Amino acid sequence: MDIGGKIKKLRTQKGLTLEELASRSELTKGFLSQLERNLTSPSIDSLDDILEALGTSLAEFFKEDTAEQYVFREQDFFVDERETCTIHWIVPNTQKNRMEPILLTLPAGGRSFEVAPHGGEEFGCVVEGTVTLACDGKEETLRRGETFYLNGRTFHLLKNDRKSVARVLWVSTPPLF
């Protein structure tokens, strides 16, 4: 790890000069200059003083920068084939996120699972075919390109009463699928 470079980056992000950081951390300007060029190494106590002056902690400083995946391809998907539908989990591990998208495939005569009342919201877009949304004792037919937006206060499900396959992009917040 480039400790010196990381300290210099934090210092410049905070808009501090070497002299200002030296004053705040009670270390010398010369020591900090050598440290930023990786010519010397700090003790744990000195590093803790520097990081405190920079408004961070040892734990935060040494936390690994993990690049979060934001593009997902077909090989990332998980497919759950059920009797009456197929669920494509198109963003892996969404239970840690605020929303959860799936691609639901309904064969002729297929139906989704029934979603129980919850405190969130749901959005769906029919990307292929025609589906029926059964919600709150009513049924609505949705064709390709049409959408739905629900609060989660009622039981609801999707069904395909047609003879062709239907696909729906369905997003829930919070994750519940």
N, C-alpha and C. Protein backbone atom coordinates (compact mmCIF):
# COMPACT_ATOMS: atom_id res chain seq x y z
N MET A 1 0.84 -1.18 0.00
CA MET A 1 0.00 0.00 0.00
C MET A 1 0.88 1.24 0.00
N ASP A 2 0.51 2.20 -0.80
CA ASP A 2 1.23 3.48 -0.88
C ASP A 2 0.71 4.42 0.21
N ILE A 3 1.20 4.23 1.43
CA ILE A 3 0.73 5.02 2.57
C ILE A 3 0.97 6.51 2.35
N GLY A 4 2.19 6.84 1.93
CA GLY A 4 2.53 8.25 1.71
C GLY A 4 1.65 8.90 0.67
N GLY A 5 1.45 8.22 -0.44
CA GLY A 5 0.61 8.75 -1.52
C GLY A 5 -0.83 8.93 -1.08
N LYS A 6 -1.31 7.99 -0.29
CA LYS A 6 -2.69 8.07 0.18
C LYS A 6 -2.86 9.23 1.16
N ILE A 7 -1.85 9.45 2.02
CA ILE A 7 -1.90 10.59 2.95
C ILE A 7 -1.88 11.90 2.18
N LYS A 8 -1.00 11.98 1.17
CA LYS A 8 -0.92 13.22 0.37
C LYS A 8 -2.25 13.49 -0.33
N LYS A 9 -2.86 12.45 -0.86
CA LYS A 9 -4.14 12.60 -1.54
C LYS A 9 -5.20 13.13 -0.58
N LEU A 10 -5.26 12.54 0.63
CA LEU A 10 -6.23 13.00 1.64
C LEU A 10 -5.96 14.45 2.03
N ARG A 11 -4.67 14.78 2.20
CA ARG A 11 -4.30 16.15 2.59
C ARG A 11 -4.73 17.15 1.53
N THR A 12 -4.46 16.85 0.27
CA THR A 12 -4.81 17.79 -0.81
C THR A 12 -6.33 17.85 -1.00
N GLN A 13 -7.04 16.75 -0.78
CA GLN A 13 -8.50 16.77 -0.86
C GLN A 13 -9.09 17.69 0.20
N LYS A 14 -8.44 17.73 1.35
CA LYS A 14 -8.90 18.59 2.45
C LYS A 14 -8.43 20.03 2.27
N GLY A 15 -7.58 20.28 1.27
CA GLY A 15 -7.09 21.63 1.02
C GLY A 15 -6.07 22.10 2.04
N LEU A 16 -5.33 21.17 2.62
CA LEU A 16 -4.34 21.52 3.64
C LEU A 16 -2.92 21.55 3.05
N THR A 17 -2.12 22.46 3.55
CA THR A 17 -0.70 22.47 3.20
C THR A 17 0.02 21.51 4.14
N LEU A 18 1.26 21.19 3.80
CA LEU A 18 2.06 20.35 4.70
C LEU A 18 2.20 21.03 6.06
N GLU A 19 2.39 22.32 6.03
CA GLU A 19 2.55 23.07 7.28
C GLU A 19 1.29 22.99 8.15
N GLU A 20 0.12 23.12 7.53
CA GLU A 20 -1.14 23.03 8.28
C GLU A 20 -1.35 21.63 8.86
N LEU A 21 -1.04 20.60 8.08
CA LEU A 21 -1.17 19.24 8.58
C LEU A 21 -0.18 18.99 9.71
N ALA A 22 1.03 19.51 9.57
CA ALA A 22 2.04 19.36 10.63
C ALA A 22 1.54 19.98 11.93
N SER A 23 0.97 21.15 11.83
CA SER A 23 0.45 21.84 13.02
C SER A 23 -0.69 21.05 13.66
N ARG A 24 -1.61 20.56 12.85
CA ARG A 24 -2.77 19.82 13.37
C ARG A 24 -2.39 18.47 13.97
N SER A 25 -1.37 17.84 13.41
CA SER A 25 -0.99 16.50 13.87
C SER A 25 0.16 16.52 14.87
N GLU A 26 0.71 17.73 15.13
CA GLU A 26 1.84 17.92 16.04
C GLU A 26 3.06 17.11 15.62
N LEU A 27 3.27 17.07 14.29
CA LEU A 27 4.45 16.44 13.72
C LEU A 27 5.17 17.49 12.88
N THR A 28 6.40 17.19 12.44
CA THR A 28 7.13 18.20 11.68
C THR A 28 6.77 18.15 10.20
N LYS A 29 6.91 19.30 9.57
CA LYS A 29 6.66 19.42 8.14
C LYS A 29 7.63 18.52 7.37
N GLY A 30 8.88 18.46 7.80
CA GLY A 30 9.90 17.63 7.15
C GLY A 30 9.55 16.14 7.21
N PHE A 31 9.08 15.69 8.38
CA PHE A 31 8.69 14.29 8.54
C PHE A 31 7.53 13.96 7.59
N LEU A 32 6.52 14.85 7.56
CA LEU A 32 5.35 14.61 6.70
C LEU A 32 5.75 14.60 5.22
N SER A 33 6.67 15.48 4.85
CA SER A 33 7.14 15.52 3.46
C SER A 33 7.82 14.20 3.08
N GLN A 34 8.66 13.69 3.98
CA GLN A 34 9.33 12.41 3.72
C GLN A 34 8.31 11.26 3.68
N LEU A 35 7.34 11.34 4.55
CA LEU A 35 6.30 10.32 4.61
C LEU A 35 5.51 10.28 3.30
N GLU A 36 5.11 11.46 2.81
CA GLU A 36 4.32 11.51 1.57
C GLU A 36 5.11 11.00 0.36
N ARG A 37 6.43 11.07 0.43
CA ARG A 37 7.27 10.57 -0.67
C ARG A 37 7.75 9.14 -0.40
N ASN A 38 7.20 8.53 0.64
CA ASN A 38 7.53 7.15 1.03
C ASN A 38 9.01 6.96 1.34
N LEU A 39 9.64 8.00 1.90
CA LEU A 39 11.04 7.92 2.31
C LEU A 39 11.18 7.48 3.75
N THR A 40 10.07 7.51 4.48
CA THR A 40 10.04 7.05 5.86
C THR A 40 8.67 6.44 6.13
N SER A 41 8.58 5.72 7.22
CA SER A 41 7.31 5.10 7.61
C SER A 41 6.89 5.64 8.97
N PRO A 42 5.60 5.84 9.16
CA PRO A 42 5.14 6.36 10.45
C PRO A 42 4.92 5.23 11.46
N SER A 43 5.00 5.58 12.73
CA SER A 43 4.57 4.63 13.76
C SER A 43 3.04 4.62 13.73
N ILE A 44 2.45 3.65 14.38
CA ILE A 44 0.98 3.58 14.44
C ILE A 44 0.43 4.84 15.11
N ASP A 45 1.10 5.29 16.19
CA ASP A 45 0.64 6.49 16.89
C ASP A 45 0.71 7.72 15.99
N SER A 46 1.82 7.87 15.25
CA SER A 46 1.96 9.02 14.34
C SER A 46 0.91 8.96 13.23
N LEU A 47 0.72 7.78 12.67
CA LEU A 47 -0.28 7.63 11.61
C LEU A 47 -1.67 7.94 12.14
N ASP A 48 -1.97 7.49 13.34
CA ASP A 48 -3.27 7.78 13.95
C ASP A 48 -3.44 9.29 14.14
N ASP A 49 -2.40 9.99 14.57
CA ASP A 49 -2.46 11.45 14.73
C ASP A 49 -2.70 12.14 13.39
N ILE A 50 -2.01 11.69 12.35
CA ILE A 50 -2.17 12.28 11.01
C ILE A 50 -3.59 12.07 10.51
N LEU A 51 -4.07 10.84 10.65
CA LEU A 51 -5.41 10.53 10.14
C LEU A 51 -6.50 11.27 10.92
N GLU A 52 -6.30 11.42 12.21
CA GLU A 52 -7.25 12.19 13.00
C GLU A 52 -7.28 13.64 12.51
N ALA A 53 -6.11 14.20 12.22
CA ALA A 53 -6.03 15.56 11.70
C ALA A 53 -6.69 15.67 10.32
N LEU A 54 -6.72 14.58 9.59
CA LEU A 54 -7.35 14.56 8.26
C LEU A 54 -8.83 14.16 8.31
N GLY A 55 -9.33 13.91 9.51
CA GLY A 55 -10.75 13.60 9.67
C GLY A 55 -11.14 12.19 9.32
N THR A 56 -10.20 11.25 9.48
CA THR A 56 -10.51 9.86 9.20
C THR A 56 -9.91 8.97 10.29
N SER A 57 -10.02 7.67 10.12
CA SER A 57 -9.52 6.75 11.13
C SER A 57 -8.62 5.71 10.49
N LEU A 58 -7.92 4.95 11.32
CA LEU A 58 -7.07 3.86 10.82
C LEU A 58 -7.92 2.84 10.05
N ALA A 59 -9.06 2.50 10.61
CA ALA A 59 -9.93 1.50 9.96
C ALA A 59 -10.36 1.97 8.57
N GLU A 60 -10.77 3.22 8.48
CA GLU A 60 -11.21 3.76 7.18
C GLU A 60 -10.04 3.86 6.20
N PHE A 61 -8.88 4.25 6.70
CA PHE A 61 -7.69 4.43 5.87
C PHE A 61 -7.26 3.11 5.23
N PHE A 62 -7.34 2.02 5.99
CA PHE A 62 -6.86 0.73 5.50
C PHE A 62 -7.97 -0.13 4.88
N LYS A 63 -9.18 0.40 4.85
CA LYS A 63 -10.27 -0.35 4.24
C LYS A 63 -9.97 -0.52 2.76
N GLU A 64 -10.16 -1.74 2.28
CA GLU A 64 -9.88 -2.03 0.88
C GLU A 64 -10.88 -1.33 -0.02
N ASP A 65 -10.38 -0.72 -1.07
CA ASP A 65 -11.24 -0.15 -2.09
C ASP A 65 -11.67 -1.27 -3.02
N THR A 66 -12.92 -1.66 -2.90
CA THR A 66 -13.42 -2.71 -3.78
C THR A 66 -14.29 -2.06 -4.84
N ALA A 67 -13.95 -2.31 -6.06
CA ALA A 67 -14.72 -1.77 -7.16
C ALA A 67 -16.06 -2.50 -7.21
N GLU A 68 -17.13 -1.75 -7.06
CA GLU A 68 -18.45 -2.35 -7.06
C GLU A 68 -18.91 -2.58 -8.49
N GLN A 69 -19.40 -3.77 -8.74
CA GLN A 69 -19.87 -4.11 -10.08
C GLN A 69 -21.17 -3.36 -10.34
N TYR A 70 -21.26 -2.72 -11.50
CA TYR A 70 -22.48 -2.02 -11.84
C TYR A 70 -23.03 -2.41 -13.21
N VAL A 71 -22.31 -3.26 -13.92
CA VAL A 71 -22.81 -3.81 -15.18
C VAL A 71 -22.93 -5.31 -15.01
N PHE A 72 -24.07 -5.86 -15.39
CA PHE A 72 -24.31 -7.29 -15.23
C PHE A 72 -24.69 -7.89 -16.57
N ARG A 73 -24.06 -8.99 -16.87
CA ARG A 73 -24.28 -9.67 -18.14
C ARG A 73 -24.98 -11.01 -17.87
N GLU A 74 -25.41 -11.64 -18.93
CA GLU A 74 -26.18 -12.88 -18.79
C GLU A 74 -25.47 -13.92 -17.92
N GLN A 75 -24.14 -13.99 -18.00
CA GLN A 75 -23.41 -14.98 -17.19
C GLN A 75 -23.47 -14.66 -15.69
N ASP A 76 -23.84 -13.43 -15.32
CA ASP A 76 -23.99 -13.04 -13.92
C ASP A 76 -25.36 -13.41 -13.36
N PHE A 77 -26.32 -13.64 -14.25
CA PHE A 77 -27.71 -13.89 -13.83
C PHE A 77 -27.83 -15.25 -13.17
N PHE A 78 -28.80 -15.34 -12.28
CA PHE A 78 -29.18 -16.62 -11.69
C PHE A 78 -30.60 -16.91 -12.18
N VAL A 79 -30.82 -18.10 -12.68
CA VAL A 79 -32.13 -18.46 -13.22
C VAL A 79 -32.78 -19.49 -12.32
N ASP A 80 -34.01 -19.20 -11.92
CA ASP A 80 -34.80 -20.09 -11.07
C ASP A 80 -36.01 -20.55 -11.88
N GLU A 81 -35.95 -21.77 -12.38
CA GLU A 81 -37.05 -22.31 -13.19
C GLU A 81 -38.06 -22.99 -12.28
N ARG A 82 -39.26 -22.47 -12.29
CA ARG A 82 -40.33 -23.03 -11.48
C ARG A 82 -41.38 -23.64 -12.40
N GLU A 83 -42.38 -24.27 -11.81
CA GLU A 83 -43.42 -24.91 -12.61
C GLU A 83 -44.20 -23.92 -13.46
N THR A 84 -44.54 -22.77 -12.88
CA THR A 84 -45.43 -21.83 -13.57
C THR A 84 -44.74 -20.57 -14.07
N CYS A 85 -43.44 -20.44 -13.81
CA CYS A 85 -42.71 -19.26 -14.27
C CYS A 85 -41.21 -19.49 -14.14
N THR A 86 -40.45 -18.62 -14.78
CA THR A 86 -38.99 -18.63 -14.64
C THR A 86 -38.57 -17.25 -14.18
N ILE A 87 -37.78 -17.20 -13.12
CA ILE A 87 -37.30 -15.93 -12.59
C ILE A 87 -35.82 -15.80 -12.95
N HIS A 88 -35.49 -14.70 -13.60
CA HIS A 88 -34.10 -14.38 -13.91
C HIS A 88 -33.68 -13.29 -12.93
N TRP A 89 -32.79 -13.63 -12.00
CA TRP A 89 -32.28 -12.66 -11.03
C TRP A 89 -31.18 -11.91 -11.78
N ILE A 90 -31.49 -10.74 -12.31
CA ILE A 90 -30.61 -10.06 -13.25
C ILE A 90 -29.57 -9.15 -12.60
N VAL A 91 -29.66 -8.96 -11.30
CA VAL A 91 -28.62 -8.27 -10.53
C VAL A 91 -28.35 -9.15 -9.32
N PRO A 92 -27.16 -9.77 -9.25
CA PRO A 92 -26.88 -10.68 -8.14
C PRO A 92 -26.83 -9.97 -6.79
N ASN A 93 -27.17 -10.70 -5.75
CA ASN A 93 -27.04 -10.24 -4.35
C ASN A 93 -27.75 -8.92 -4.07
N THR A 94 -28.95 -8.77 -4.58
CA THR A 94 -29.65 -7.49 -4.39
C THR A 94 -30.26 -7.32 -3.01
N GLN A 95 -30.23 -8.36 -2.19
CA GLN A 95 -30.80 -8.21 -0.85
C GLN A 95 -30.09 -7.13 -0.04
N LYS A 96 -28.88 -6.75 -0.45
CA LYS A 96 -28.15 -5.68 0.24
C LYS A 96 -28.48 -4.30 -0.33
N ASN A 97 -29.24 -4.25 -1.42
CA ASN A 97 -29.58 -3.00 -2.07
C ASN A 97 -30.97 -2.52 -1.66
N ARG A 98 -31.36 -1.36 -2.15
CA ARG A 98 -32.67 -0.82 -1.83
C ARG A 98 -33.76 -1.29 -2.77
N MET A 99 -33.36 -1.80 -3.93
CA MET A 99 -34.36 -2.33 -4.86
C MET A 99 -33.84 -3.61 -5.48
N GLU A 100 -34.79 -4.40 -6.00
CA GLU A 100 -34.44 -5.70 -6.56
C GLU A 100 -35.18 -5.90 -7.88
N PRO A 101 -34.44 -5.95 -8.99
CA PRO A 101 -35.08 -6.22 -10.26
C PRO A 101 -35.01 -7.70 -10.64
N ILE A 102 -36.05 -8.18 -11.27
CA ILE A 102 -36.03 -9.53 -11.84
C ILE A 102 -36.62 -9.44 -13.24
N LEU A 103 -36.30 -10.42 -14.06
CA LEU A 103 -36.96 -10.59 -15.34
C LEU A 103 -37.79 -11.85 -15.20
N LEU A 104 -39.09 -11.69 -15.25
CA LEU A 104 -40.02 -12.80 -15.04
C LEU A 104 -40.52 -13.30 -16.39
N THR A 105 -40.36 -14.59 -16.64
CA THR A 105 -40.87 -15.21 -17.86
C THR A 105 -42.05 -16.09 -17.49
N LEU A 106 -43.18 -15.81 -18.14
CA LEU A 106 -44.40 -16.58 -17.90
C LEU A 106 -44.74 -17.34 -19.18
N PRO A 107 -44.72 -18.68 -19.14
CA PRO A 107 -45.14 -19.44 -20.32
C PRO A 107 -46.66 -19.33 -20.48
N ALA A 108 -47.17 -19.83 -21.58
CA ALA A 108 -48.63 -19.85 -21.77
C ALA A 108 -49.27 -20.52 -20.56
N GLY A 109 -50.23 -19.84 -19.95
CA GLY A 109 -50.91 -20.38 -18.77
C GLY A 109 -50.12 -20.24 -17.48
N GLY A 110 -48.97 -19.60 -17.53
CA GLY A 110 -48.13 -19.45 -16.34
C GLY A 110 -48.58 -18.33 -15.43
N ARG A 111 -48.04 -18.35 -14.24
CA ARG A 111 -48.36 -17.30 -13.28
C ARG A 111 -47.18 -17.08 -12.35
N SER A 112 -47.09 -15.89 -11.83
CA SER A 112 -46.02 -15.58 -10.87
C SER A 112 -46.42 -16.13 -9.50
N PHE A 113 -45.54 -16.01 -8.57
CA PHE A 113 -45.82 -16.27 -7.16
C PHE A 113 -46.73 -15.15 -6.68
N GLU A 114 -47.51 -15.40 -5.67
CA GLU A 114 -48.34 -14.34 -5.11
C GLU A 114 -47.48 -13.52 -4.14
N VAL A 115 -47.48 -12.22 -4.33
CA VAL A 115 -46.71 -11.34 -3.46
C VAL A 115 -47.61 -10.90 -2.31
N ALA A 116 -47.16 -11.16 -1.10
CA ALA A 116 -47.92 -10.78 0.10
C ALA A 116 -47.75 -9.29 0.38
N PRO A 117 -48.66 -8.71 1.13
CA PRO A 117 -48.53 -7.29 1.49
C PRO A 117 -47.18 -7.02 2.18
N HIS A 118 -46.61 -5.88 1.83
CA HIS A 118 -45.32 -5.45 2.39
C HIS A 118 -45.28 -3.93 2.40
N GLY A 119 -44.26 -3.39 3.00
CA GLY A 119 -44.17 -1.93 3.15
C GLY A 119 -43.52 -1.21 2.00
N GLY A 120 -43.22 -1.89 0.91
CA GLY A 120 -42.51 -1.25 -0.19
C GLY A 120 -43.39 -0.92 -1.38
N GLU A 121 -42.71 -0.78 -2.52
CA GLU A 121 -43.36 -0.46 -3.78
C GLU A 121 -42.82 -1.37 -4.86
N GLU A 122 -43.57 -1.48 -5.97
CA GLU A 122 -43.15 -2.31 -7.08
C GLU A 122 -43.45 -1.62 -8.40
N PHE A 123 -42.57 -1.88 -9.35
CA PHE A 123 -42.74 -1.38 -10.71
C PHE A 123 -42.55 -2.54 -11.66
N GLY A 124 -43.35 -2.57 -12.72
CA GLY A 124 -43.19 -3.61 -13.73
C GLY A 124 -43.39 -3.05 -15.12
N CYS A 125 -42.68 -3.64 -16.08
CA CYS A 125 -42.82 -3.26 -17.48
C CYS A 125 -42.91 -4.54 -18.31
N VAL A 126 -43.96 -4.67 -19.07
CA VAL A 126 -44.13 -5.85 -19.92
C VAL A 126 -43.20 -5.66 -21.13
N VAL A 127 -42.23 -6.53 -21.27
CA VAL A 127 -41.27 -6.42 -22.37
C VAL A 127 -41.61 -7.36 -23.53
N GLU A 128 -42.48 -8.33 -23.27
CA GLU A 128 -42.92 -9.24 -24.34
C GLU A 128 -44.25 -9.86 -23.94
N GLY A 129 -45.17 -9.94 -24.90
CA GLY A 129 -46.44 -10.60 -24.66
C GLY A 129 -47.45 -9.75 -23.93
N THR A 130 -48.39 -10.44 -23.29
CA THR A 130 -49.49 -9.81 -22.55
C THR A 130 -49.66 -10.55 -21.23
N VAL A 131 -49.86 -9.79 -20.14
CA VAL A 131 -50.07 -10.39 -18.82
C VAL A 131 -51.31 -9.77 -18.18
N THR A 132 -51.81 -10.45 -17.17
CA THR A 132 -52.90 -9.93 -16.36
C THR A 132 -52.37 -9.71 -14.96
N LEU A 133 -52.57 -8.50 -14.45
CA LEU A 133 -52.18 -8.16 -13.08
C LEU A 133 -53.42 -8.31 -12.22
N ALA A 134 -53.36 -9.25 -11.28
CA ALA A 134 -54.46 -9.44 -10.33
C ALA A 134 -54.06 -8.76 -9.03
N CYS A 135 -54.83 -7.74 -8.66
CA CYS A 135 -54.47 -6.94 -7.49
C CYS A 135 -55.74 -6.38 -6.86
N ASP A 136 -55.86 -6.59 -5.56
CA ASP A 136 -56.94 -5.96 -4.81
C ASP A 136 -58.32 -6.33 -5.36
N GLY A 137 -58.47 -7.60 -5.79
CA GLY A 137 -59.75 -8.06 -6.29
C GLY A 137 -60.05 -7.66 -7.72
N LYS A 138 -59.15 -6.94 -8.37
CA LYS A 138 -59.36 -6.50 -9.75
C LYS A 138 -58.30 -7.14 -10.64
N GLU A 139 -58.60 -7.18 -11.92
CA GLU A 139 -57.64 -7.67 -12.89
C GLU A 139 -57.48 -6.65 -14.00
N GLU A 140 -56.24 -6.39 -14.37
CA GLU A 140 -55.92 -5.45 -15.44
C GLU A 140 -55.04 -6.16 -16.46
N THR A 141 -55.33 -5.98 -17.74
CA THR A 141 -54.51 -6.55 -18.80
C THR A 141 -53.45 -5.54 -19.20
N LEU A 142 -52.21 -6.03 -19.28
CA LEU A 142 -51.08 -5.18 -19.70
C LEU A 142 -50.41 -5.81 -20.90
N ARG A 143 -50.19 -5.01 -21.92
CA ARG A 143 -49.53 -5.48 -23.14
C ARG A 143 -48.10 -4.96 -23.19
N ARG A 144 -47.36 -5.49 -24.16
CA ARG A 144 -45.96 -5.09 -24.34
C ARG A 144 -45.83 -3.56 -24.31
N GLY A 145 -44.88 -3.07 -23.51
CA GLY A 145 -44.62 -1.64 -23.39
C GLY A 145 -45.42 -0.95 -22.30
N GLU A 146 -46.40 -1.63 -21.74
CA GLU A 146 -47.20 -1.03 -20.68
C GLU A 146 -46.59 -1.37 -19.32
N THR A 147 -46.89 -0.54 -18.33
CA THR A 147 -46.24 -0.65 -17.02
C THR A 147 -47.26 -0.68 -15.90
N PHE A 148 -46.79 -1.09 -14.73
CA PHE A 148 -47.59 -0.97 -13.51
C PHE A 148 -46.69 -0.45 -12.40
N TYR A 149 -47.32 0.21 -11.44
CA TYR A 149 -46.63 0.74 -10.26
C TYR A 149 -47.56 0.55 -9.09
N LEU A 150 -47.12 -0.23 -8.08
CA LEU A 150 -47.97 -0.58 -6.95
C LEU A 150 -47.33 -0.23 -5.62
N ASN A 151 -48.17 0.09 -4.65
CA ASN A 151 -47.68 0.05 -3.28
C ASN A 151 -47.83 -1.40 -2.86
N GLY A 152 -47.15 -1.80 -1.85
CA GLY A 152 -47.17 -3.22 -1.48
C GLY A 152 -48.23 -3.60 -0.47
N ARG A 153 -49.32 -2.85 -0.38
CA ARG A 153 -50.31 -3.10 0.67
C ARG A 153 -51.30 -4.23 0.39
N THR A 154 -51.26 -4.80 -0.81
CA THR A 154 -52.22 -5.85 -1.13
C THR A 154 -51.53 -7.09 -1.70
N PHE A 155 -52.23 -8.20 -1.65
CA PHE A 155 -51.76 -9.40 -2.34
C PHE A 155 -51.90 -9.14 -3.84
N HIS A 156 -50.92 -9.60 -4.62
CA HIS A 156 -51.02 -9.43 -6.06
C HIS A 156 -50.14 -10.46 -6.77
N LEU A 157 -50.44 -10.67 -8.05
CA LEU A 157 -49.66 -11.60 -8.86
C LEU A 157 -49.88 -11.27 -10.33
N LEU A 158 -49.02 -11.86 -11.16
CA LEU A 158 -49.14 -11.73 -12.61
C LEU A 158 -49.47 -13.09 -13.19
N LYS A 159 -50.30 -13.10 -14.24
CA LYS A 159 -50.58 -14.37 -14.91
C LYS A 159 -50.62 -14.15 -16.42
N ASN A 160 -50.37 -15.24 -17.12
CA ASN A 160 -50.37 -15.21 -18.57
C ASN A 160 -51.46 -16.15 -19.07
N ASP A 161 -52.58 -15.56 -19.51
CA ASP A 161 -53.71 -16.36 -20.00
C ASP A 161 -53.62 -16.58 -21.51
N ARG A 162 -52.55 -16.12 -22.13
CA ARG A 162 -52.40 -16.24 -23.58
C ARG A 162 -51.66 -17.52 -23.95
N LYS A 163 -51.52 -17.75 -25.26
CA LYS A 163 -50.84 -18.95 -25.74
C LYS A 163 -49.38 -18.70 -26.08
N SER A 164 -48.90 -17.48 -25.85
CA SER A 164 -47.50 -17.17 -26.12
C SER A 164 -46.80 -16.74 -24.83
N VAL A 165 -45.50 -16.77 -24.86
CA VAL A 165 -44.68 -16.41 -23.69
C VAL A 165 -44.80 -14.91 -23.40
N ALA A 166 -44.75 -14.57 -22.12
CA ALA A 166 -44.72 -13.16 -21.70
C ALA A 166 -43.51 -12.95 -20.80
N ARG A 167 -42.91 -11.76 -20.91
CA ARG A 167 -41.77 -11.40 -20.06
C ARG A 167 -42.04 -10.03 -19.44
N VAL A 168 -41.71 -9.94 -18.14
CA VAL A 168 -41.94 -8.71 -17.41
C VAL A 168 -40.69 -8.36 -16.62
N LEU A 169 -40.23 -7.13 -16.78
CA LEU A 169 -39.17 -6.60 -15.92
C LEU A 169 -39.89 -6.09 -14.68
N TRP A 170 -39.56 -6.66 -13.51
CA TRP A 170 -40.29 -6.37 -12.28
C TRP A 170 -39.29 -5.91 -11.24
N VAL A 171 -39.52 -4.76 -10.64
CA VAL A 171 -38.60 -4.18 -9.67
C VAL A 171 -39.34 -3.95 -8.35
N SER A 172 -38.74 -4.38 -7.27
CA SER A 172 -39.35 -4.22 -5.94
C SER A 172 -38.41 -3.45 -5.04
N THR A 173 -39.00 -2.61 -4.19
CA THR A 173 -38.24 -1.95 -3.15
C THR A 173 -39.07 -2.05 -1.88
N PRO A 174 -38.52 -2.52 -0.79
CA PRO A 174 -37.20 -3.15 -0.67
C PRO A 174 -37.21 -4.52 -1.34
N PRO A 175 -36.03 -5.13 -1.47
CA PRO A 175 -35.96 -6.45 -2.10
C PRO A 175 -36.88 -7.45 -1.40
N LEU A 176 -37.63 -8.22 -2.20
CA LEU A 176 -38.51 -9.21 -1.59
C LEU A 176 -38.66 -10.47 -2.42
N PHE A 177 -38.17 -10.51 -3.62
CA PHE A 177 -38.38 -11.68 -4.49
C PHE A 177 -37.62 -12.89 -4.04
